Structure formats: C-alpha cells, structure tokens
Amino acid sequence: MFRLLITRLAAAIPLMFIVATLVFFMMQLNPVDPTATLLGDDTSPEAVAAARADLGIDRPVLTQYTSWLGAAVTGDLGVSWFNGEEVTTLLTRRAKVTFSIVFGSLLIAISLGVAMGVTAALKAGRWQDRTVTVVSSLGIAVPNFWVAIILAAIFAVRLRWFPAIWTNSRTETPWGWIHTIILPCIALGTASSAAIARQTRSAMIGVLQQDYIRTALAKGLPVRRVIYKHALRNAAIPVVTLIGFQISALIGGTIFVEFIFNIPGLGTIGVESVQRANVPITLGFVMITTLVVVVANIFLDMSYAWLNPKVRRA
C-alpha cells in the first residue's frame, strides 16, 4: 500500500502541471484584455501599454509561461492582477469554504445514498425498492442549482431557518459555519446521493444472491452483521469508484451553489478570474482543484486495498 501511495503522489505532480499548462495556453485565446478591465475603456494607449508591461503580458507567450512555471515550482503562484494579493493566500482562504461544502455534501451523499441503496436491495421488488428507484431518478434528473433555489426560497426566505446568503459574522463559530452551509450541502448532495443509491442497490442485489451470503445466513449469523460486514463490503468497490467521480462533480457543482448563496469560495473566484482574464488566479484555481481530485482518488485507491486484499498484494 505504501508503494502504491508513493506512486500515486509522484504521478500527481506532473499531472497538475500538465493541466495547468493546457489552461495557460487556452487562456491566451481569451479575447478579454485584463488591462481594459483594470483601467477602464477611456484609457490612453500609453497607459494600456504601461499596464501590460507591468503585468508582464507584453512578453512572448513562451516567456510568460516559463516565468510562471519557474516561480510555481518554488511554490510562488504569483499575485492577482487586480488587487495585488498573493494567489496562494487568496485561494487558501477560499478553499476552506469550498471544500467544507464539498465534504459536507459528500457526507450527506454517502450516508443517504448507501442507506437508500441497501434498503432497496433488501426489499427488491417491493414498494420500498420502487420508492427508492423513483426518488433516485428524480434526484439525478433535477439540477443542483434548481434544488438550491427551492431550498433557499423555502427554508431561508420563507421559514427563516437558515441564512439565505453567506455573512462572515455568522461563520465565526463552528456551529455558525455548519448552520450556514447546510442548505448548500443538501443541494449538492441530492444528485450524488441518488447516483450512489442506484449503484449501491445494483451491487448489493448481486452480492446478496451469492452462495456465501446464503451460507452465512443459514449458519445463524445475525442478519445485520451479514449485510453490513460481508455483503456491503464486497459490494462497495463499484460504489467507491462512483464516489470518486462524484467528488469531481461536487467540486464543479459548487460553482452554481456559491453564486446562489453568495458564498466566497473557489467557484465564484474561478469564474470571475476567467471572465476578467486574471491568469494567475485561474492557474492557481486549476492547480488546487486538480490536487484535491488527485488526492481524493489516491484515498479511494487506498480504500480498494482495504476492501480487496488482492489489490493490496498487487
């Protein structure tokens, strides 16, 4: 397992820079001139030229790239072109918000999805199974942003149980932080829990039909132990694989949810940086999100080794 961990971590470093390199050159196709946004439309050509020289975007593209890459290797991702704040500091502050929402959404999705899937598998063909199938189909079909709007309208605006928008004063305490992100987490976790429920149901039905499950039940082992220790563990590998895809989907989904709830996270600043052609922020955003997805998939690989001893020996 340790060798597998080292291999995955070593492969993550070039992957991050390959993705960042692609994004860097794609950003060169962006028609937006950051100096126009920075200085305004009524600006003299001399002022624009001076601003471009100050930002370093008057240099050849390859020179800009090698300069950024040389600094990034040392951990320096530059500064924002619009406020002069260090990219690392800015994105680290925002990443805490975004990834707390992603973690909360994933926790809801796994807990609810696995529970629904196991229930549907145990009651296959009955009304419980049909109910889970219908609910999960609706959960997959309904967009996250629509769920977020409905939740905000009902529980934040009408009932006033939760805040409708992010405010720093409410998030100074752990409970205030959790209270603020509950609705965004539910909105994001809905579709993911539905997908996990369907995958869990499918995998569990196949495992429950195996001979060793019938043998364990025939020996008189407690049903709960057979289901959760033997059946669910053997059915977990395809579910874990799906969870890996859901992590990427949740990170992407935070973009919409952050705009709806006015959350100062990575999604809002990522979209803003692309719209304003703020290259240092865009590249930092891409590297952070890529790193999180890679690390999450490494942990999933470790879980494969725990679930399946054959993978551990390989």
C-alpha atoms as a PDB file:
ATOM      1  CA  MET A   1       0.000   0.000   0.000  1.00  0.00           C
ATOM      2  CA  PHE A   2       2.843   2.373   0.811  1.00  0.00           C
ATOM      3  CA  ARG A   3       4.375   1.788  -2.617  1.00  0.00           C
ATOM      4  CA  LEU A   4       1.004   2.481  -4.230  1.00  0.00           C
ATOM      5  CA  LEU A   5       0.693   5.717  -2.248  1.00  0.00           C
ATOM      6  CA  ILE A   6       4.156   6.931  -3.279  1.00  0.00           C
ATOM      7  CA  THR A   7       3.494   6.080  -6.926  1.00  0.00           C
ATOM      8  CA  ARG A   8       0.219   7.989  -6.994  1.00  0.00           C
ATOM      9  CA  LEU A   9       1.721  11.035  -5.283  1.00  0.00           C
ATOM     10  CA  ALA A  10       4.658  11.079  -7.696  1.00  0.00           C
ATOM     11  CA  ALA A  11       2.292  10.921 -10.667  1.00  0.00           C
ATOM     12  CA  ALA A  12       0.178  13.760  -9.272  1.00  0.00           C
ATOM     13  CA  ILE A  13       2.909  16.397  -9.604  1.00  0.00           C
ATOM     14  CA  PRO A  14       3.393  16.243 -13.399  1.00  0.00           C
ATOM     15  CA  LEU A  15      -0.356  15.826 -13.851  1.00  0.00           C
ATOM     16  CA  MET A  16      -1.024  19.120 -12.069  1.00  0.00           C
ATOM     17  CA  PHE A  17       1.444  20.992 -14.248  1.00  0.00           C
ATOM     18  CA  ILE A  18       0.178  19.365 -17.437  1.00  0.00           C
ATOM     19  CA  VAL A  19      -3.346  20.539 -16.628  1.00  0.00           C
ATOM     20  CA  ALA A  20      -2.100  23.996 -15.654  1.00  0.00           C
ATOM     21  CA  THR A  21      -0.067  24.210 -18.882  1.00  0.00           C
ATOM     22  CA  LEU A  22      -3.101  23.400 -21.005  1.00  0.00           C
ATOM     23  CA  VAL A  23      -5.147  26.008 -19.154  1.00  0.00           C
ATOM     24  CA  PHE A  24      -2.376  28.598 -19.512  1.00  0.00           C
ATOM     25  CA  PHE A  25      -2.276  28.327 -23.283  1.00  0.00           C
ATOM     26  CA  MET A  26      -6.060  28.124 -23.517  1.00  0.00           C
ATOM     27  CA  MET A  27      -6.256  31.377 -21.567  1.00  0.00           C
ATOM     28  CA  GLN A  28      -4.232  33.017 -24.322  1.00  0.00           C
ATOM     29  CA  LEU A  29      -7.262  32.515 -26.563  1.00  0.00           C
ATOM     30  CA  ASN A  30      -9.417  34.548 -24.189  1.00  0.00           C
ATOM     31  CA  PRO A  31     -10.391  37.743 -26.068  1.00  0.00           C
ATOM     32  CA  VAL A  32     -10.701  39.716 -22.824  1.00  0.00           C
ATOM     33  CA  ASP A  33      -7.854  42.169 -22.227  1.00  0.00           C
ATOM     34  CA  PRO A  34      -7.214  42.356 -18.461  1.00  0.00           C
ATOM     35  CA  THR A  35      -5.803  45.870 -18.795  1.00  0.00           C
ATOM     36  CA  ALA A  36      -9.109  47.094 -20.259  1.00  0.00           C
ATOM     37  CA  THR A  37     -10.937  45.698 -17.245  1.00  0.00           C
ATOM     38  CA  LEU A  38      -8.314  47.066 -14.901  1.00  0.00           C
ATOM     39  CA  LEU A  39      -8.080  50.582 -16.328  1.00  0.00           C
ATOM     40  CA  GLY A  40     -11.471  51.050 -17.994  1.00  0.00           C
ATOM     41  CA  ASP A  41     -12.390  51.899 -21.558  1.00  0.00           C
ATOM     42  CA  ASP A  42     -11.404  55.573 -21.554  1.00  0.00           C
ATOM     43  CA  THR A  43      -7.677  54.996 -21.191  1.00  0.00           C
ATOM     44  CA  SER A  44      -4.832  56.232 -23.344  1.00  0.00           C
ATOM     45  CA  PRO A  45      -2.799  53.721 -25.363  1.00  0.00           C
ATOM     46  CA  GLU A  46       0.278  54.729 -23.396  1.00  0.00           C
ATOM     47  CA  ALA A  47      -1.408  53.795 -20.098  1.00  0.00           C
ATOM     48  CA  VAL A  48      -2.534  50.464 -21.544  1.00  0.00           C
ATOM     49  CA  ALA A  49       0.983  49.706 -22.767  1.00  0.00           C
ATOM     50  CA  ALA A  50       2.410  50.581 -19.370  1.00  0.00           C
ATOM     51  CA  ALA A  51      -0.127  48.343 -17.623  1.00  0.00           C
ATOM     52  CA  ARG A  52       0.618  45.450 -19.965  1.00  0.00           C
ATOM     53  CA  ALA A  53       4.325  45.850 -19.290  1.00  0.00           C
ATOM     54  CA  ASP A  54       3.680  45.993 -15.542  1.00  0.00           C
ATOM     55  CA  LEU A  55       1.667  42.749 -15.695  1.00  0.00           C
ATOM     56  CA  GLY A  56       4.245  41.154 -17.971  1.00  0.00           C
ATOM     57  CA  ILE A  57       1.746  40.222 -20.683  1.00  0.00           C
ATOM     58  CA  ASP A  58       3.571  42.209 -23.337  1.00  0.00           C
ATOM     59  CA  ARG A  59       6.231  39.494 -23.430  1.00  0.00           C
ATOM     60  CA  PRO A  60       6.103  36.443 -25.730  1.00  0.00           C
ATOM     61  CA  VAL A  61       3.756  33.711 -24.536  1.00  0.00           C
ATOM     62  CA  LEU A  62       6.529  31.148 -24.029  1.00  0.00           C
ATOM     63  CA  THR A  63       8.474  33.647 -21.947  1.00  0.00           C
ATOM     64  CA  GLN A  64       5.403  34.256 -19.788  1.00  0.00           C
ATOM     65  CA  TYR A  65       4.907  30.523 -19.384  1.00  0.00           C
ATOM     66  CA  THR A  66       8.492  29.705 -18.415  1.00  0.00           C
ATOM     67  CA  SER A  67       8.477  32.609 -15.962  1.00  0.00           C
ATOM     68  CA  TRP A  68       5.279  31.353 -14.319  1.00  0.00           C
ATOM     69  CA  LEU A  69       6.489  27.736 -14.295  1.00  0.00           C
ATOM     70  CA  GLY A  70       9.813  28.651 -12.705  1.00  0.00           C
ATOM     71  CA  ALA A  71       8.024  30.504  -9.911  1.00  0.00           C
ATOM     72  CA  ALA A  72       5.341  27.820  -9.480  1.00  0.00           C
ATOM     73  CA  VAL A  73       7.968  25.117  -8.949  1.00  0.00           C
ATOM     74  CA  THR A  74       9.152  27.051  -5.881  1.00  0.00           C
ATOM     75  CA  GLY A  75       5.581  27.437  -4.602  1.00  0.00           C
ATOM     76  CA  ASP A  76       5.073  31.008  -5.821  1.00  0.00           C
ATOM     77  CA  LEU A  77       1.856  31.232  -7.853  1.00  0.00           C
ATOM     78  CA  GLY A  78       2.148  34.995  -8.277  1.00  0.00           C
ATOM     79  CA  VAL A  79      -0.292  37.736  -7.329  1.00  0.00           C
ATOM     80  CA  SER A  80      -3.729  38.708  -8.535  1.00  0.00           C
ATOM     81  CA  TRP A  81      -3.577  41.240 -11.343  1.00  0.00           C
ATOM     82  CA  PHE A  82      -6.467  43.219  -9.904  1.00  0.00           C
ATOM     83  CA  ASN A  83      -5.781  43.597  -6.186  1.00  0.00           C
ATOM     84  CA  GLY A  84      -2.159  42.530  -5.784  1.00  0.00           C
ATOM     85  CA  GLU A  85      -2.971  39.815  -3.225  1.00  0.00           C
ATOM     86  CA  GLU A  86      -0.903  36.645  -3.286  1.00  0.00           C
ATOM     87  CA  VAL A  87      -2.673  33.857  -5.164  1.00  0.00           C
ATOM     88  CA  THR A  88      -1.764  31.225  -2.565  1.00  0.00           C
ATOM     89  CA  THR A  89      -3.182  33.275   0.314  1.00  0.00           C
ATOM     90  CA  LEU A  90      -6.339  34.210  -1.561  1.00  0.00           C
ATOM     91  CA  LEU A  91      -7.140  30.711  -2.787  1.00  0.00           C
ATOM     92  CA  THR A  92      -6.286  29.056   0.528  1.00  0.00           C
ATOM     93  CA  ARG A  93      -8.817  31.263   2.290  1.00  0.00           C
ATOM     94  CA  ARG A  94     -11.484  30.465  -0.287  1.00  0.00           C
ATOM     95  CA  ALA A  95     -10.618  26.776  -0.453  1.00  0.00           C
ATOM     96  CA  LYS A  96     -11.608  26.335   3.199  1.00  0.00           C
ATOM     97  CA  VAL A  97     -15.131  27.450   2.331  1.00  0.00           C
ATOM     98  CA  THR A  98     -15.500  25.416  -0.851  1.00  0.00           C
ATOM     99  CA  PHE A  99     -14.068  22.157   0.428  1.00  0.00           C
ATOM    100  CA  SER A 100     -16.060  22.307   3.654  1.00  0.00           C
ATOM    101  CA  ILE A 101     -19.160  22.393   1.434  1.00  0.00           C
ATOM    102  CA  VAL A 102     -17.811  19.562  -0.730  1.00  0.00           C
ATOM    103  CA  PHE A 103     -17.030  17.460   2.356  1.00  0.00           C
ATOM    104  CA  GLY A 104     -20.460  18.091   3.867  1.00  0.00           C
ATOM    105  CA  SER A 105     -22.168  17.284   0.572  1.00  0.00           C
ATOM    106  CA  LEU A 106     -20.153  14.078   0.197  1.00  0.00           C
ATOM    107  CA  LEU A 107     -21.002  13.028   3.752  1.00  0.00           C
ATOM    108  CA  ILE A 108     -24.720  13.530   3.066  1.00  0.00           C
ATOM    109  CA  ALA A 109     -24.496  11.793  -0.301  1.00  0.00           C
ATOM    110  CA  ILE A 110     -22.704   8.707   1.036  1.00  0.00           C
ATOM    111  CA  SER A 111     -24.835   8.332   4.170  1.00  0.00           C
ATOM    112  CA  LEU A 112     -28.157   8.832   2.415  1.00  0.00           C
ATOM    113  CA  GLY A 113     -27.203   7.034  -0.791  1.00  0.00           C
ATOM    114  CA  VAL A 114     -25.844   3.890   0.874  1.00  0.00           C
ATOM    115  CA  ALA A 115     -28.818   3.693   3.248  1.00  0.00           C
ATOM    116  CA  MET A 116     -31.303   4.039   0.382  1.00  0.00           C
ATOM    117  CA  GLY A 117     -29.415   1.558  -1.801  1.00  0.00           C
ATOM    118  CA  VAL A 118     -29.169  -1.101   0.896  1.00  0.00           C
ATOM    119  CA  THR A 119     -32.855  -0.692   1.757  1.00  0.00           C
ATOM    120  CA  ALA A 120     -33.864  -1.028  -1.895  1.00  0.00           C
ATOM    121  CA  ALA A 121     -31.702  -4.150  -2.339  1.00  0.00           C
ATOM    122  CA  LEU A 122     -33.103  -5.851   0.752  1.00  0.00           C
ATOM    123  CA  LYS A 123     -36.655  -5.026  -0.355  1.00  0.00           C
ATOM    124  CA  ALA A 124     -36.100  -5.698  -4.062  1.00  0.00           C
ATOM    125  CA  GLY A 125     -39.362  -5.714  -5.987  1.00  0.00           C
ATOM    126  CA  ARG A 126     -41.373  -4.260  -3.098  1.00  0.00           C
ATOM    127  CA  TRP A 127     -42.724  -0.753  -2.591  1.00  0.00           C
ATOM    128  CA  GLN A 128     -39.579   0.343  -0.754  1.00  0.00           C
ATOM    129  CA  ASP A 129     -37.482  -0.587  -3.772  1.00  0.00           C
ATOM    130  CA  ARG A 130     -39.805   1.192  -6.177  1.00  0.00           C
ATOM    131  CA  THR A 131     -39.856   4.284  -3.967  1.00  0.00           C
ATOM    132  CA  VAL A 132     -36.061   4.462  -3.836  1.00  0.00           C
ATOM    133  CA  THR A 133     -35.877   3.988  -7.619  1.00  0.00           C
ATOM    134  CA  VAL A 134     -38.322   6.840  -8.255  1.00  0.00           C
ATOM    135  CA  VAL A 135     -36.690   9.168  -5.730  1.00  0.00           C
ATOM    136  CA  SER A 136     -33.192   8.468  -7.024  1.00  0.00           C
ATOM    137  CA  SER A 137     -34.312   9.025 -10.619  1.00  0.00           C
ATOM    138  CA  LEU A 138     -35.760  12.406  -9.647  1.00  0.00           C
ATOM    139  CA  GLY A 139     -32.589  13.262  -7.720  1.00  0.00           C
ATOM    140  CA  ILE A 140     -30.408  12.590 -10.753  1.00  0.00           C
ATOM    141  CA  ALA A 141     -32.728  14.452 -13.143  1.00  0.00           C
ATOM    142  CA  VAL A 142     -33.182  17.634 -11.080  1.00  0.00           C
ATOM    143  CA  PRO A 143     -30.274  20.144 -11.439  1.00  0.00           C
ATOM    144  CA  ASN A 144     -28.356  21.133  -8.322  1.00  0.00           C
ATOM    145  CA  PHE A 145     -28.919  24.843  -8.848  1.00  0.00           C
ATOM    146  CA  TRP A 146     -32.707  24.326  -9.032  1.00  0.00           C
ATOM    147  CA  VAL A 147     -32.650  22.393  -5.758  1.00  0.00           C
ATOM    148  CA  ALA A 148     -30.544  25.170  -4.209  1.00  0.00           C
ATOM    149  CA  ILE A 149     -33.028  27.843  -5.307  1.00  0.00           C
ATOM    150  CA  ILE A 150     -36.004  25.888  -3.933  1.00  0.00           C
ATOM    151  CA  LEU A 151     -34.245  25.211  -0.628  1.00  0.00           C
ATOM    152  CA  ALA A 152     -33.275  28.863  -0.281  1.00  0.00           C
ATOM    153  CA  ALA A 153     -36.812  30.039  -1.094  1.00  0.00           C
ATOM    154  CA  ILE A 154     -38.462  27.695   1.416  1.00  0.00           C
ATOM    155  CA  PHE A 155     -36.067  27.243   4.322  1.00  0.00           C
ATOM    156  CA  ALA A 156     -34.142  30.531   4.162  1.00  0.00           C
ATOM    157  CA  VAL A 157     -36.571  33.144   2.831  1.00  0.00           C
ATOM    158  CA  ARG A 158     -39.965  31.837   3.969  1.00  0.00           C
ATOM    159  CA  LEU A 159     -39.238  29.821   7.119  1.00  0.00           C
ATOM    160  CA  ARG A 160     -36.006  31.663   8.039  1.00  0.00           C
ATOM    161  CA  TRP A 161     -34.466  28.510   9.487  1.00  0.00           C
ATOM    162  CA  PHE A 162     -31.179  29.025   7.670  1.00  0.00           C
ATOM    163  CA  PRO A 163     -29.347  32.054   6.267  1.00  0.00           C
ATOM    164  CA  ALA A 164     -30.012  32.837   2.611  1.00  0.00           C
ATOM    165  CA  ILE A 165     -26.575  34.313   1.953  1.00  0.00           C
ATOM    166  CA  TRP A 166     -23.091  33.999   3.381  1.00  0.00           C
ATOM    167  CA  THR A 167     -22.075  36.521   6.033  1.00  0.00           C
ATOM    168  CA  ASN A 168     -18.733  36.490   7.835  1.00  0.00           C
ATOM    169  CA  SER A 169     -20.308  37.322  11.195  1.00  0.00           C
ATOM    170  CA  ARG A 170     -22.362  34.105  11.139  1.00  0.00           C
ATOM    171  CA  THR A 171     -19.383  31.884  10.323  1.00  0.00           C
ATOM    172  CA  GLU A 172     -17.092  32.889  13.171  1.00  0.00           C
ATOM    173  CA  THR A 173     -18.146  29.885  15.281  1.00  0.00           C
ATOM    174  CA  PRO A 174     -18.160  26.203  14.235  1.00  0.00           C
ATOM    175  CA  TRP A 175     -21.936  25.942  14.642  1.00  0.00           C
ATOM    176  CA  GLY A 176     -22.464  29.155  12.685  1.00  0.00           C
ATOM    177  CA  TRP A 177     -20.286  27.770   9.897  1.00  0.00           C
ATOM    178  CA  ILE A 178     -22.215  24.487   9.788  1.00  0.00           C
ATOM    179  CA  HIS A 179     -25.556  26.291  10.006  1.00  0.00           C
ATOM    180  CA  THR A 180     -24.607  28.430   7.005  1.00  0.00           C
ATOM    181  CA  ILE A 181     -23.503  25.600   4.722  1.00  0.00           C
ATOM    182  CA  ILE A 182     -26.307  23.109   5.486  1.00  0.00           C
ATOM    183  CA  LEU A 183     -28.527  24.204   2.588  1.00  0.00           C
ATOM    184  CA  PRO A 184     -25.674  24.274   0.020  1.00  0.00           C
ATOM    185  CA  CYS A 185     -24.575  20.816   1.174  1.00  0.00           C
ATOM    186  CA  ILE A 186     -28.088  19.397   0.836  1.00  0.00           C
ATOM    187  CA  ALA A 187     -28.473  20.970  -2.605  1.00  0.00           C
ATOM    188  CA  LEU A 188     -25.210  19.444  -3.809  1.00  0.00           C
ATOM    189  CA  GLY A 189     -25.621  16.104  -2.068  1.00  0.00           C
ATOM    190  CA  THR A 190     -29.033  15.352  -3.590  1.00  0.00           C
ATOM    191  CA  ALA A 191     -27.926  14.217  -7.038  1.00  0.00           C
ATOM    192  CA  SER A 192     -24.855  12.436  -5.674  1.00  0.00           C
ATOM    193  CA  SER A 193     -26.880  10.501  -3.098  1.00  0.00           C
ATOM    194  CA  ALA A 194     -29.296   9.443  -5.840  1.00  0.00           C
ATOM    195  CA  ALA A 195     -26.478   8.112  -8.022  1.00  0.00           C
ATOM    196  CA  ILE A 196     -24.840   6.322  -5.075  1.00  0.00           C
ATOM    197  CA  ALA A 197     -28.195   4.799  -4.090  1.00  0.00           C
ATOM    198  CA  ARG A 198     -28.712   3.314  -7.551  1.00  0.00           C
ATOM    199  CA  GLN A 199     -25.163   1.920  -7.679  1.00  0.00           C
ATOM    200  CA  THR A 200     -25.407   0.515  -4.146  1.00  0.00           C
ATOM    201  CA  ARG A 201     -28.727  -1.162  -4.919  1.00  0.00           C
ATOM    202  CA  SER A 202     -27.357  -2.780  -8.068  1.00  0.00           C
ATOM    203  CA  ALA A 203     -24.181  -4.015  -6.392  1.00  0.00           C
ATOM    204  CA  MET A 204     -25.955  -5.261  -3.269  1.00  0.00           C
ATOM    205  CA  ILE A 205     -28.555  -7.243  -5.208  1.00  0.00           C
ATOM    206  CA  GLY A 206     -25.752  -9.099  -6.995  1.00  0.00           C
ATOM    207  CA  VAL A 207     -23.866  -9.826  -3.771  1.00  0.00           C
ATOM    208  CA  LEU A 208     -26.945 -10.936  -1.805  1.00  0.00           C
ATOM    209  CA  GLN A 209     -27.502 -13.678  -4.377  1.00  0.00           C
ATOM    210  CA  GLN A 210     -24.067 -15.207  -3.768  1.00  0.00           C
ATOM    211  CA  ASP A 211     -23.757 -18.616  -2.089  1.00  0.00           C
ATOM    212  CA  TYR A 212     -21.551 -17.417   0.776  1.00  0.00           C
ATOM    213  CA  ILE A 213     -24.280 -14.970   1.863  1.00  0.00           C
ATOM    214  CA  ARG A 214     -26.857 -17.772   1.937  1.00  0.00           C
ATOM    215  CA  THR A 215     -24.381 -19.941   3.855  1.00  0.00           C
ATOM    216  CA  ALA A 216     -23.735 -17.214   6.433  1.00  0.00           C
ATOM    217  CA  LEU A 217     -27.452 -16.736   6.986  1.00  0.00           C
ATOM    218  CA  ALA A 218     -28.010 -20.479   7.172  1.00  0.00           C
ATOM    219  CA  LYS A 219     -25.384 -20.747   9.941  1.00  0.00           C
ATOM    220  CA  GLY A 220     -27.446 -18.346  12.007  1.00  0.00           C
ATOM    221  CA  LEU A 221     -25.223 -15.255  11.810  1.00  0.00           C
ATOM    222  CA  PRO A 222     -27.086 -12.041  12.628  1.00  0.00           C
ATOM    223  CA  VAL A 223     -28.659 -10.536   9.513  1.00  0.00           C
ATOM    224  CA  ARG A 224     -27.278  -7.081  10.260  1.00  0.00           C
ATOM    225  CA  ARG A 225     -23.736  -8.478  10.521  1.00  0.00           C
ATOM    226  CA  VAL A 226     -24.066 -10.412   7.256  1.00  0.00           C
ATOM    227  CA  ILE A 227     -25.395  -7.369   5.429  1.00  0.00           C
ATOM    228  CA  TYR A 228     -23.004  -4.705   6.667  1.00  0.00           C
ATOM    229  CA  LYS A 229     -19.824  -6.705   7.305  1.00  0.00           C
ATOM    230  CA  HIS A 230     -19.897  -9.171   4.419  1.00  0.00           C
ATOM    231  CA  ALA A 231     -22.356  -8.117   1.721  1.00  0.00           C
ATOM    232  CA  LEU A 232     -21.823  -4.355   1.822  1.00  0.00           C
ATOM    233  CA  ARG A 233     -18.035  -4.641   1.955  1.00  0.00           C
ATOM    234  CA  ASN A 234     -17.983  -6.848  -1.146  1.00  0.00           C
ATOM    235  CA  ALA A 235     -20.439  -4.563  -2.935  1.00  0.00           C
ATOM    236  CA  ALA A 236     -18.503  -1.421  -2.018  1.00  0.00           C
ATOM    237  CA  ILE A 237     -15.869  -1.381  -4.782  1.00  0.00           C
ATOM    238  CA  PRO A 238     -18.161  -0.129  -7.601  1.00  0.00           C
ATOM    239  CA  VAL A 239     -19.721   2.290  -5.113  1.00  0.00           C
ATOM    240  CA  VAL A 240     -16.298   3.648  -4.154  1.00  0.00           C
ATOM    241  CA  THR A 241     -15.475   4.071  -7.846  1.00  0.00           C
ATOM    242  CA  LEU A 242     -18.646   6.114  -8.308  1.00  0.00           C
ATOM    243  CA  ILE A 243     -17.793   8.228  -5.271  1.00  0.00           C
ATOM    244  CA  GLY A 244     -14.534   9.194  -6.980  1.00  0.00           C
ATOM    245  CA  PHE A 245     -16.499  10.594  -9.928  1.00  0.00           C
ATOM    246  CA  GLN A 246     -18.937  12.306  -7.578  1.00  0.00           C
ATOM    247  CA  ILE A 247     -16.133  14.239  -5.882  1.00  0.00           C
ATOM    248  CA  SER A 248     -15.278  15.919  -9.186  1.00  0.00           C
ATOM    249  CA  ALA A 249     -18.972  16.561  -9.830  1.00  0.00           C
ATOM    250  CA  LEU A 250     -19.394  18.137  -6.393  1.00  0.00           C
ATOM    251  CA  ILE A 251     -16.436  20.476  -6.916  1.00  0.00           C
ATOM    252  CA  GLY A 252     -17.952  21.566 -10.221  1.00  0.00           C
ATOM    253  CA  GLY A 253     -21.390  21.919  -8.667  1.00  0.00           C
ATOM    254  CA  THR A 254     -20.141  24.313  -6.010  1.00  0.00           C
ATOM    255  CA  ILE A 255     -19.778  26.976  -8.725  1.00  0.00           C
ATOM    256  CA  PHE A 256     -23.561  27.271  -9.106  1.00  0.00           C
ATOM    257  CA  VAL A 257     -24.347  26.886  -5.421  1.00  0.00           C
ATOM    258  CA  GLU A 258     -21.814  29.531  -4.395  1.00  0.00           C
ATOM    259  CA  PHE A 259     -23.402  32.050  -6.738  1.00  0.00           C
ATOM    260  CA  ILE A 260     -26.905  31.291  -5.426  1.00  0.00           C
ATOM    261  CA  PHE A 261     -25.940  31.624  -1.743  1.00  0.00           C
ATOM    262  CA  ASN A 262     -23.328  34.354  -2.332  1.00  0.00           C
ATOM    263  CA  ILE A 263     -20.577  32.159  -0.886  1.00  0.00           C
ATOM    264  CA  PRO A 264     -16.982  33.449  -1.211  1.00  0.00           C
ATOM    265  CA  GLY A 265     -15.482  30.188  -2.399  1.00  0.00           C
ATOM    266  CA  LEU A 266     -13.286  28.899  -5.184  1.00  0.00           C
ATOM    267  CA  GLY A 267     -16.162  28.615  -7.657  1.00  0.00           C
ATOM    268  CA  THR A 268     -17.039  32.295  -7.655  1.00  0.00           C
ATOM    269  CA  ILE A 269     -13.464  33.497  -7.868  1.00  0.00           C
ATOM    270  CA  GLY A 270     -12.663  30.887 -10.533  1.00  0.00           C
ATOM    271  CA  VAL A 271     -15.456  32.104 -12.817  1.00  0.00           C
ATOM    272  CA  GLU A 272     -14.568  35.720 -12.112  1.00  0.00           C
ATOM    273  CA  SER A 273     -10.901  35.150 -12.939  1.00  0.00           C
ATOM    274  CA  VAL A 274     -11.786  33.599 -16.306  1.00  0.00           C
ATOM    275  CA  GLN A 275     -14.185  36.426 -17.134  1.00  0.00           C
ATOM    276  CA  ARG A 276     -11.532  39.032 -16.297  1.00  0.00           C
ATOM    277  CA  ALA A 277      -8.632  37.027 -17.807  1.00  0.00           C
ATOM    278  CA  ASN A 278      -6.864  37.016 -14.439  1.00  0.00           C
ATOM    279  CA  VAL A 279      -4.365  34.319 -15.414  1.00  0.00           C
ATOM    280  CA  PRO A 280      -2.545  33.851 -12.045  1.00  0.00           C
ATOM    281  CA  ILE A 281      -5.827  33.261 -10.192  1.00  0.00           C
ATOM    282  CA  THR A 282      -7.140  30.937 -12.914  1.00  0.00           C
ATOM    283  CA  LEU A 283      -3.987  28.810 -12.873  1.00  0.00           C
ATOM    284  CA  GLY A 284      -3.954  28.652  -9.079  1.00  0.00           C
ATOM    285  CA  PHE A 285      -7.618  27.641  -9.069  1.00  0.00           C
ATOM    286  CA  VAL A 286      -6.946  24.855 -11.571  1.00  0.00           C
ATOM    287  CA  MET A 287      -3.946  23.526  -9.642  1.00  0.00           C
ATOM    288  CA  ILE A 288      -5.787  23.452  -6.307  1.00  0.00           C
ATOM    289  CA  THR A 289      -8.866  21.695  -7.661  1.00  0.00           C
ATOM    290  CA  THR A 290      -6.709  19.215  -9.592  1.00  0.00           C
ATOM    291  CA  LEU A 291      -4.684  18.462  -6.473  1.00  0.00           C
ATOM    292  CA  VAL A 292      -7.812  17.828  -4.406  1.00  0.00           C
ATOM    293  CA  VAL A 293      -9.279  15.484  -7.021  1.00  0.00           C
ATOM    294  CA  VAL A 294      -5.980  13.587  -7.290  1.00  0.00           C
ATOM    295  CA  VAL A 295      -5.619  13.247  -3.504  1.00  0.00           C
ATOM    296  CA  ALA A 296      -9.237  12.098  -3.196  1.00  0.00           C
ATOM    297  CA  ASN A 297      -8.653   9.424  -5.819  1.00  0.00           C
ATOM    298  CA  ILE A 298      -5.494   8.309  -4.017  1.00  0.00           C
ATOM    299  CA  PHE A 299      -7.555   7.760  -0.873  1.00  0.00           C
ATOM    300  CA  LEU A 300     -10.049   5.810  -2.951  1.00  0.00           C
ATOM    301  CA  ASP A 301      -7.209   3.635  -4.242  1.00  0.00           C
ATOM    302  CA  MET A 302      -6.207   3.004  -0.634  1.00  0.00           C
ATOM    303  CA  SER A 303      -9.780   2.004   0.157  1.00  0.00           C
ATOM    304  CA  TYR A 304      -9.645  -0.523  -2.705  1.00  0.00           C
ATOM    305  CA  ALA A 305      -6.666  -2.137  -0.997  1.00  0.00           C
ATOM    306  CA  TRP A 306      -8.616  -2.292   2.276  1.00  0.00           C
ATOM    307  CA  LEU A 307     -11.752  -3.693   0.652  1.00  0.00           C
ATOM    308  CA  ASN A 308      -9.953  -6.191  -1.588  1.00  0.00           C
ATOM    309  CA  PRO A 309      -6.810  -7.919  -0.262  1.00  0.00           C
ATOM    310  CA  LYS A 310      -5.888  -8.928  -3.827  1.00  0.00           C
ATOM    311  CA  VAL A 311      -5.271  -5.262  -4.663  1.00  0.00           C
ATOM    312  CA  ARG A 312      -3.144  -4.928  -1.534  1.00  0.00           C
ATOM    313  CA  ARG A 313      -0.860  -7.783  -2.598  1.00  0.00           C
ATOM    314  CA  ALA A 314      -0.527  -6.283  -6.110  1.00  0.00           C
END
